[in-house]
Amino acid sequence: MRQGWCIGLRLPVQLRANNHPVYFASPAGGAIAFLDRLFFSTLNVDKTMKVGAAVVSCRRGGNTATFDMLNKYFTMTGMPVVSSQYWNMVYGGSPEEVLQDEEGLQTMRTLGRNMAFLMKSIQLGKQQMGLPEKEQQVFTNFHR
């Protein structure tokens, strides 16, 4: 598997399915601990318009809950989430089985094209219009 980069953070990210499996309809604890620490430790890094996409693979079930949890990291930090023709997931208990998931593979190809388009569109938008205005964040505590 190729090593990827979190754009803008310049931190290597490599969460492989065989290292971080879906056990009980959620990402494995190691993956969540890593992402919690990564996103918490970079709260001071502006991730506005840095494109994110979660991709999930599992043998049978737990994909949708895992997909939902992973996308929350992006949406809480101002990152646009790239979509595809379906949820970004494939099925298979091994890489060989995943290659038989024709719909999942098509979803991944569509995701790649959509991600490239969105990144180019955001770059063009930045050049022509700039970034959206950001308000100072307000924190509300309802426990009084």
Foldseek 3Di string as FASTA:
>chain_A
DDWDAQPQVRDIDDDDCVNWPQDPLATRPVVVVVLVCVLVVVLVGQCAAREDEDAEEEAPDSVVSHRVVVCVSQVVRNHHYQAFPDHRYFHDPDPVRSVVRVVNVNRVVRSVVRVVVSSVVVVVCCVPPNGDDDDDDDDDDPPD
